[in-house]
Each structure stands twice: as C-alpha cells, then as structure tokens.
Amino acid sequence: MPKRWTRRPPGSTWGDWGDDDELGRINLLTSEKVLQGIREVEAGITFCLSLPLDFPGGTALNQRRHPPKLAPTEDMAGAPGVFYNVRMSEMPDFGDPKYVDVWADDVVTLSLQYSTQWDSLAHVGAEYDADGDGVDEPVYYNGYRAGVDLVGPTDDATGDGAGHRCFAKHLGLEHMAFHGVQGRGVLVDLAHQLGDEWRGVDLSTLREIMAADNVVVEPGDMLLLHTGYATRVLEWARNPDPRKLFTTSSYLDAKDDALLEWIADSQISALVADNYAVEGLLGKDKDPSRHSFLPIHHLCLFKLGVPLGEMWYLHELATWLRAHDRNRFLLTAPPLRLPGTVGSPLTPIATV
C-alpha cells in the first residue's frame, strides 16, 4: 500500500510511531509511565473528574450538542415501560414459579461531546499538501484522508448494512480505549492564582504559576489545567447564563507562539482542562491571512497527536492536592470503546 504522505507538517510527530499509527502521543503512556502514576498513590483516595453528563444544560454552549435523553426500553410485550414483571410460569421450561422478576433496561441518546469528553485525533484536520503535489488536501493526523479514512454519512451499502456505520474508519477513540489511558497526571491550579477572571494564559504566566506551586511536567505526563470553569457550570444548575458561558475563567492563550512551542517540546501525552475548549473561543481573527481558528486544537490533534480533554471536573481534586502540597496523581481516563467515535464522554478517576 502506498504511503499516505510524503511531507509531514513541520514540527509534527507524523510517522514517529509508524506509518499506520493512530494513537499519537498516547504511545508515551508506557508501562513505566503507568508505574510512575501508581507511585504517586499514597492515601488511596479517589476523585471523580466528570461532570454529570447532563451538564451544562441546554444548547447555549454549542447548538449542535444536545443534553442526553434517557428513556426506558420497551417491556416484554413491546410497550414502553421501566419495569418488566415476568412470572416464571410464563417462560418456557423454567419449572414451578417461586417468584416474580422485576427488571429495568434503558436507552440514551447522547451527544458524545456535550459534557466531560475526550477530543480524538479525528476531531480536527487541516488542508495540507501531504503528498507534495503542490495541492492542499484535507487530511488528519498521520496523513489519514478526509473522504477515505474519515467519512460522512452515505447511502452506499457496506458489509455491515446500508450506509456507513462509522464516521472515523481511522483515528477513532476505540484505539485509545484499547491501549488504555492510565499514567501520571499533573495538575496546574490556574484558578487558585487567577480566580474566575476571563483571561488568556500565556507561557510566561503559566510558568510563573507552575513555579509558585512547584509543578514539574515530564515527557509522557498528562497535563490537567484547573480554571474553575466546571465548578461554575455545576453552580448554574443546568441553566447557565449564555454570556457567562463564554466569559468565565481562564484559558490557554493560543496566540502566544512561545506557549505553542512549549506544548510541543513538553512531550505531554494529553492536554486536559475543565473549561470548554482548553483554549479561548475569541471569534474570527481580523488578520485575513490563512490560519487555524483554534491553534491549540490544530497543534495537538492535527500535528502532535495529543488528545484534548474538555469540561473535566477538577474542583475537589485541586482542593485536596493544594491542602497536601501535591500536584501529581494516578490518572485513569479511557474513552468509550465505541468504534468510529470522534469524541467520547468518560468518567476519569484520579487516585492520590
């Protein structure tokens, strides 16, 4: 099979783990990295790092992402219902009835990126001349192609039924789930220093905060940023102020080239925040030149292969770590093993 690309974006990790790699820097979560995380466990206390998946509430944050809809499945007679009351005498070959079973099943319709989530490497691509023919084409991490490896819905019949069952034939989060997402997490407590101020955090500010709290990030670590945003989301109780959703708490300043360079050089395996997009959603740039709308997404997902975690809930973990003069812990955070997913909800667990 011919190679998908002959040119890789400058500063990217394409091909570093093989021509067919679909994990990117998750490859840095080695057995030694898992052991490093385990060695951080001293108290045996766990923290749930997920919001309830029906938060923030409504669609003001993203009109395409809707709250989950939970419903019971149909009962044994085919009617909607929560409880199945089944007398054993009504079932064949079960003998003399002694009791009645009461069962429940349910089903959910869920926007996979509505609440606490992972962004996969299939979430953001770019137009780039990967084959060196002088023409830009839409590609994703490691040269996987739009329309070939990542496709939209079609009416074409496939081997598993009519239409394409999966969007991401490659780079879906099932690969990350199978590999396992466990290792050492490192938390930077931006909220402690900056409060709820809506501001960008450049590299200089980030380094000042890390130095003040003795935070050291090493290759393979998963970096978590506590801004306090998810704490406010909980306080809004599924009825957020549409303006405050976009003007609360800090975010990484993606216009700071030094910060982008630091993210690349740090060799972190994942970048996580408790805010909406890790970086700021500031609208269109007045600069008419061609550029990425979300530079950190472009850098991490398209070039480096670093998955992004968004809307994680970090309040209790950050509070405990500060009280115990710590910032490292064991992080376990696999996405759903659902083939073809571009994003996935999850329930991350920090163990300290």
Protein backbone atom coordinates (compact mmCIF):
# COMPACT_ATOMS: atom_id res chain seq x y z
CA MET A 1 0.00 0.00 0.00
CA PRO A 2 1.46 3.41 -0.94
CA LYS A 3 2.35 5.75 1.88
CA ARG A 4 -0.39 8.25 2.69
CA TRP A 5 2.02 11.17 2.85
CA THR A 6 5.46 12.20 1.62
CA ARG A 7 5.57 15.51 3.51
CA ARG A 8 4.63 15.95 7.12
CA PRO A 9 3.78 19.29 8.74
CA PRO A 10 6.82 20.99 10.28
CA GLY A 11 7.14 20.09 13.96
CA SER A 12 4.65 17.25 13.73
CA THR A 13 5.02 13.69 15.05
CA TRP A 14 3.61 12.02 11.94
CA GLY A 15 5.32 8.67 11.44
CA ASP A 16 7.21 8.74 14.74
CA TRP A 17 5.37 5.59 15.86
CA GLY A 18 4.91 4.06 12.42
CA ASP A 19 3.11 4.82 9.19
CA ASP A 20 -0.18 3.40 10.46
CA ASP A 21 -0.13 4.88 13.96
CA GLU A 22 -3.49 6.11 15.26
CA LEU A 23 -2.51 6.96 18.85
CA GLY A 24 -0.03 9.83 18.60
CA ARG A 25 1.48 10.74 21.93
CA ILE A 26 -0.76 8.31 23.79
CA ASN A 27 2.09 5.98 22.78
CA LEU A 28 4.06 7.71 25.55
CA LEU A 29 1.77 6.10 28.14
CA THR A 30 4.12 3.15 28.53
CA SER A 31 4.23 0.59 31.34
CA GLU A 32 6.86 2.74 33.07
CA LYS A 33 4.56 5.75 32.85
CA VAL A 34 1.78 3.73 34.46
CA LEU A 35 4.16 2.75 37.25
CA GLN A 36 5.12 6.39 37.74
CA GLY A 37 1.44 7.18 38.23
CA ILE A 38 0.98 4.30 40.66
CA ARG A 39 3.94 5.51 42.72
CA GLU A 40 2.07 8.78 43.30
CA VAL A 41 -0.67 6.94 45.21
CA GLU A 42 -0.19 7.45 48.96
CA ALA A 43 -3.64 7.96 50.50
CA GLY A 44 -5.73 5.59 48.40
CA ILE A 45 -8.37 8.30 47.85
CA THR A 46 -10.16 8.57 44.50
CA PHE A 47 -11.75 11.59 42.82
CA CYS A 48 -14.33 11.53 40.04
CA LEU A 49 -13.29 14.04 37.39
CA SER A 50 -16.52 14.01 35.37
CA LEU A 51 -19.41 16.42 35.46
CA PRO A 52 -22.85 14.81 35.45
CA LEU A 53 -23.27 14.20 31.74
CA ASP A 54 -26.46 16.29 31.55
CA PHE A 55 -24.46 19.45 32.37
CA PRO A 56 -24.03 22.27 31.37
CA GLY A 57 -27.72 22.20 30.37
CA GLY A 58 -29.43 23.48 27.24
CA THR A 59 -27.62 24.18 23.98
CA ALA A 60 -26.25 27.69 24.61
CA LEU A 61 -22.67 26.40 24.73
CA ASN A 62 -22.95 24.57 21.40
CA GLN A 63 -26.14 24.48 19.37
CA ARG A 64 -25.15 21.16 17.75
CA ARG A 65 -24.65 19.36 21.07
CA HIS A 66 -27.79 18.44 22.97
CA PRO A 67 -28.39 17.19 26.51
CA PRO A 68 -28.79 13.42 26.83
CA LYS A 69 -32.25 11.91 26.55
CA LEU A 70 -32.70 8.92 28.84
CA ALA A 71 -35.67 6.60 28.38
CA PRO A 72 -36.73 3.06 29.27
CA THR A 73 -36.69 0.37 26.64
CA GLU A 74 -39.92 -1.41 25.77
CA ASP A 75 -41.26 -4.12 28.05
CA MET A 76 -41.67 -7.79 27.16
CA ALA A 77 -44.97 -7.04 25.47
CA GLY A 78 -43.42 -4.35 23.31
CA ALA A 79 -44.85 -1.39 25.19
CA PRO A 80 -42.74 1.39 26.73
CA GLY A 81 -42.09 0.75 30.38
CA VAL A 82 -39.48 0.76 33.09
CA PHE A 83 -40.31 -2.48 34.83
CA TYR A 84 -40.59 -5.96 33.44
CA ASN A 85 -42.89 -8.10 35.60
CA VAL A 86 -42.36 -11.62 34.36
CA ARG A 87 -43.86 -14.67 36.03
CA MET A 88 -41.60 -17.63 35.56
CA SER A 89 -44.62 -19.74 34.65
CA GLU A 90 -44.99 -17.58 31.56
CA MET A 91 -41.49 -18.53 30.43
CA PRO A 92 -40.93 -21.96 28.84
CA ASP A 93 -39.06 -24.76 30.62
CA PHE A 94 -38.33 -22.95 33.87
CA GLY A 95 -40.36 -25.23 36.14
CA ASP A 96 -42.54 -24.29 39.08
CA PRO A 97 -42.64 -20.48 39.62
CA LYS A 98 -41.39 -19.29 43.01
CA TYR A 99 -41.15 -15.54 42.46
CA VAL A 100 -41.68 -12.63 40.08
CA ASP A 101 -38.70 -10.87 38.47
CA VAL A 102 -38.74 -7.09 38.20
CA TRP A 103 -36.32 -5.82 35.57
CA ALA A 104 -35.35 -2.49 34.02
CA ASP A 105 -33.42 -1.53 30.89
CA ASP A 106 -32.89 1.89 29.42
CA VAL A 107 -31.55 3.66 26.36
CA VAL A 108 -29.87 7.03 25.93
CA THR A 109 -29.45 9.44 23.03
CA LEU A 110 -26.22 11.25 23.80
CA SER A 111 -24.14 13.92 22.09
CA LEU A 112 -20.73 12.45 22.76
CA GLN A 113 -19.08 15.86 23.25
CA TYR A 114 -21.81 17.52 25.29
CA SER A 115 -20.11 17.35 28.68
CA THR A 116 -16.87 15.84 30.07
CA GLN A 117 -15.11 14.46 26.99
CA TRP A 118 -12.07 13.47 25.01
CA ASP A 119 -11.43 15.02 21.59
CA SER A 120 -9.94 12.38 19.32
CA LEU A 121 -7.32 12.90 16.62
CA ALA A 122 -10.23 12.61 14.16
CA HIS A 123 -11.86 15.75 15.58
CA VAL A 124 -9.72 18.32 13.76
CA GLY A 125 -7.82 18.08 10.49
CA ALA A 126 -6.41 20.66 8.09
CA GLU A 127 -5.85 21.39 4.45
CA TYR A 128 -2.24 20.45 3.80
CA ASP A 129 -0.16 19.26 0.86
CA ALA A 130 0.76 15.91 2.38
CA ASP A 131 1.66 14.20 -0.92
CA GLY A 132 3.86 17.00 -2.21
CA ASP A 133 1.95 17.61 -5.44
CA GLY A 134 1.50 21.30 -4.78
CA VAL A 135 -2.19 20.99 -3.94
CA ASP A 136 -3.57 21.11 -0.42
CA GLU A 137 -5.95 18.32 0.52
CA PRO A 138 -8.00 17.76 3.70
CA VAL A 139 -6.03 15.42 5.95
CA TYR A 140 -5.84 14.44 9.60
CA TYR A 141 -3.11 13.24 11.93
CA ASN A 142 -0.53 10.95 10.29
CA GLY A 143 -1.93 11.71 6.86
CA TYR A 144 -5.29 9.98 7.17
CA ARG A 145 -7.58 11.34 4.47
CA ALA A 146 -10.94 13.02 4.60
CA GLY A 147 -13.41 11.18 2.40
CA VAL A 148 -11.37 7.98 2.58
CA ASP A 149 -10.33 7.26 6.16
CA LEU A 150 -12.81 9.67 7.74
CA VAL A 151 -16.14 9.83 6.02
CA GLY A 152 -19.56 11.36 6.45
CA PRO A 153 -22.89 9.52 6.19
CA THR A 154 -23.66 7.99 2.78
CA ASP A 155 -26.34 5.76 1.33
CA ASP A 156 -23.82 3.27 -0.05
CA ALA A 157 -24.27 -0.28 1.15
CA THR A 158 -21.38 -1.74 3.11
CA GLY A 159 -20.59 -5.11 4.56
CA ASP A 160 -22.29 -4.29 7.84
CA GLY A 161 -25.54 -2.96 6.42
CA ALA A 162 -26.77 0.03 4.47
CA GLY A 163 -24.77 3.21 4.85
CA HIS A 164 -21.52 3.84 6.67
CA ARG A 165 -21.80 2.76 10.28
CA CYS A 166 -18.75 4.74 11.41
CA PHE A 167 -17.53 8.23 10.67
CA ALA A 168 -13.92 7.60 11.59
CA LYS A 169 -12.60 4.49 9.87
CA HIS A 170 -9.27 5.52 11.36
CA LEU A 171 -8.24 7.67 14.34
CA GLY A 172 -11.42 6.85 16.27
CA LEU A 173 -11.22 6.73 20.05
CA GLU A 174 -11.59 2.96 20.21
CA HIS A 175 -7.82 2.71 19.67
CA MET A 176 -7.12 4.94 22.64
CA ALA A 177 -9.58 2.92 24.72
CA PHE A 178 -7.92 -0.39 23.80
CA HIS A 179 -4.43 0.93 24.52
CA GLY A 180 -5.58 2.16 27.92
CA VAL A 181 -5.31 5.70 29.23
CA GLN A 182 -3.56 5.44 32.56
CA GLY A 183 -0.45 7.11 33.89
CA ARG A 184 0.73 10.12 35.82
CA GLY A 185 -1.46 13.19 35.86
CA VAL A 186 -0.07 16.61 36.76
CA LEU A 187 -2.39 19.45 37.74
CA VAL A 188 -1.74 23.18 37.34
CA ASP A 189 -4.13 25.19 39.53
CA LEU A 190 -4.78 28.31 37.46
CA ALA A 191 -7.94 29.09 39.44
CA HIS A 192 -6.02 29.45 42.69
CA GLN A 193 -3.89 32.23 41.21
CA LEU A 194 -6.33 33.85 38.76
CA GLY A 195 -9.78 33.22 40.24
CA ASP A 196 -12.67 33.44 37.75
CA GLU A 197 -11.02 36.14 35.67
CA TRP A 198 -11.70 35.62 31.97
CA ARG A 199 -8.24 35.90 30.52
CA GLY A 200 -5.73 34.13 28.34
CA VAL A 201 -2.79 32.42 29.98
CA ASP A 202 0.44 32.83 28.05
CA LEU A 203 3.61 30.83 28.63
CA SER A 204 5.08 33.41 30.98
CA THR A 205 2.01 33.31 33.23
CA LEU A 206 1.82 29.54 33.08
CA ARG A 207 5.47 29.21 34.10
CA GLU A 208 5.01 31.66 36.98
CA ILE A 209 2.08 29.65 38.35
CA MET A 210 3.91 26.35 37.90
CA ALA A 211 6.99 27.71 39.66
CA ALA A 212 4.91 29.05 42.55
CA ASP A 213 3.37 25.60 43.08
CA ASN A 214 6.50 23.56 42.28
CA VAL A 215 4.85 21.90 39.30
CA VAL A 216 7.17 19.91 37.04
CA VAL A 217 5.91 18.34 33.81
CA GLU A 218 7.88 15.47 32.29
CA PRO A 219 7.54 13.56 29.00
CA GLY A 220 4.52 11.28 28.95
CA ASP A 221 2.65 13.12 31.71
CA MET A 222 -1.00 14.03 31.22
CA LEU A 223 -1.35 17.75 31.98
CA LEU A 224 -4.55 19.00 33.63
CA LEU A 225 -5.48 22.69 33.97
CA HIS A 226 -7.88 23.72 36.73
CA THR A 227 -9.54 27.02 35.78
CA GLY A 228 -12.68 26.73 37.92
CA TYR A 229 -14.97 26.78 34.87
CA ALA A 230 -16.61 23.41 35.51
CA THR A 231 -17.25 24.44 39.13
CA ARG A 232 -19.27 27.39 37.84
CA VAL A 233 -21.09 25.09 35.41
CA LEU A 234 -22.30 23.00 38.34
CA GLU A 235 -23.40 26.11 40.22
CA TRP A 236 -25.53 27.21 37.26
CA ALA A 237 -27.62 24.03 37.77
CA ARG A 238 -28.34 23.26 34.10
CA ASN A 239 -29.49 26.84 33.45
CA PRO A 240 -26.31 28.72 32.51
CA ASP A 241 -26.15 32.37 31.56
CA PRO A 242 -25.32 32.28 27.81
CA ARG A 243 -22.88 35.17 28.16
CA LYS A 244 -21.09 33.84 31.24
CA LEU A 245 -20.58 30.53 29.46
CA PHE A 246 -18.08 32.32 27.22
CA THR A 247 -16.65 34.91 29.64
CA THR A 248 -15.81 32.91 32.76
CA SER A 249 -12.42 31.65 33.94
CA SER A 250 -9.05 31.44 32.24
CA TYR A 251 -7.94 29.62 29.11
CA LEU A 252 -4.70 28.99 27.27
CA ASP A 253 -3.64 31.88 25.04
CA ALA A 254 -3.27 30.20 21.68
CA LYS A 255 -1.89 33.40 20.11
CA ASP A 256 1.27 33.02 22.19
CA ASP A 257 3.71 31.22 19.90
CA ALA A 258 6.01 30.51 22.85
CA LEU A 259 3.18 28.61 24.56
CA LEU A 260 2.56 26.51 21.45
CA GLU A 261 6.27 25.71 21.26
CA TRP A 262 6.28 24.71 24.94
CA ILE A 263 3.34 22.34 24.44
CA ALA A 264 5.24 20.67 21.60
CA ASP A 265 8.54 20.48 23.47
CA SER A 266 7.00 19.25 26.74
CA GLN A 267 6.09 15.86 25.19
CA ILE A 268 2.91 15.65 27.27
CA SER A 269 0.75 12.70 26.27
CA ALA A 270 -2.57 14.51 26.77
CA LEU A 271 -3.79 18.04 27.50
CA VAL A 272 -6.88 18.48 29.68
CA ALA A 273 -8.82 21.43 31.07
CA ASP A 274 -12.05 21.94 32.98
CA ASN A 275 -13.17 24.63 30.53
CA TYR A 276 -14.93 24.37 27.20
CA ALA A 277 -12.07 24.14 24.71
CA VAL A 278 -8.74 24.38 26.61
CA GLU A 279 -8.00 27.48 24.54
CA GLY A 280 -10.22 30.56 24.18
CA LEU A 281 -13.08 30.90 21.70
CA LEU A 282 -12.49 34.51 20.74
CA GLY A 283 -14.22 34.75 17.38
CA LYS A 284 -12.69 35.41 13.99
CA ASP A 285 -9.27 36.99 13.80
CA LYS A 286 -9.05 40.30 11.95
CA ASP A 287 -5.91 39.01 10.24
CA PRO A 288 -7.12 37.92 6.77
CA SER A 289 -4.21 35.52 6.28
CA ARG A 290 -4.87 31.80 6.42
CA HIS A 291 -4.72 30.43 9.95
CA SER A 292 -6.39 27.95 12.27
CA PHE A 293 -9.49 29.07 14.16
CA LEU A 294 -8.30 27.00 17.15
CA PRO A 295 -4.48 26.90 17.06
CA ILE A 296 -4.07 24.57 20.05
CA HIS A 297 -6.54 22.09 18.54
CA HIS A 298 -4.59 22.32 15.28
CA LEU A 299 -1.27 21.80 17.05
CA CYS A 300 -2.35 18.99 19.37
CA LEU A 301 -4.81 16.98 17.29
CA PHE A 302 -3.52 17.52 13.76
CA LYS A 303 0.25 17.84 14.25
CA LEU A 304 1.32 16.29 17.56
CA GLY A 305 -1.29 13.58 18.16
CA VAL A 306 -2.14 14.89 21.64
CA PRO A 307 -5.79 14.24 22.59
CA LEU A 308 -7.62 17.09 24.31
CA GLY A 309 -9.82 16.65 27.37
CA GLU A 310 -12.51 19.27 27.88
CA MET A 311 -15.09 20.10 30.56
CA TRP A 312 -13.47 17.85 33.17
CA TYR A 313 -14.46 18.49 36.78
CA LEU A 314 -11.35 19.21 38.87
CA HIS A 315 -12.57 21.14 41.94
CA GLU A 316 -12.28 18.50 44.69
CA LEU A 317 -9.04 17.09 43.29
CA ALA A 318 -7.42 20.54 43.10
CA THR A 319 -8.56 21.37 46.64
CA TRP A 320 -7.14 18.13 48.06
CA LEU A 321 -3.85 18.44 46.21
CA ARG A 322 -3.31 22.00 47.42
CA ALA A 323 -4.10 21.04 51.02
CA HIS A 324 -1.47 18.30 50.81
CA ASP A 325 1.13 20.28 48.86
CA ARG A 326 0.93 17.94 45.89
CA ASN A 327 0.18 18.19 42.18
CA ARG A 328 0.76 14.63 40.85
CA PHE A 329 -1.51 11.59 40.95
CA LEU A 330 -2.51 8.42 39.14
CA LEU A 331 -4.95 9.21 36.34
CA THR A 332 -7.19 6.60 34.73
CA ALA A 333 -9.25 8.02 31.86
CA PRO A 334 -10.19 5.71 28.98
CA PRO A 335 -12.82 6.83 26.47
CA LEU A 336 -15.68 4.58 25.39
CA ARG A 337 -14.53 1.69 23.21
CA LEU A 338 -17.06 2.64 20.56
CA PRO A 339 -15.63 2.27 17.04
CA GLY A 340 -15.59 5.34 14.85
CA THR A 341 -16.08 7.98 17.52
CA VAL A 342 -14.66 11.46 17.06
CA GLY A 343 -15.32 12.39 20.70
CA SER A 344 -16.28 10.44 23.78
CA PRO A 345 -17.71 11.04 27.23
CA LEU A 346 -15.80 9.47 30.08
CA THR A 347 -15.56 9.22 33.86
CA PRO A 348 -11.91 9.93 34.67
CA ILE A 349 -10.63 8.87 38.08
CA ALA A 350 -7.70 10.45 39.92
CA THR A 351 -6.12 8.40 42.71
CA VAL A 352 -3.89 10.16 45.24
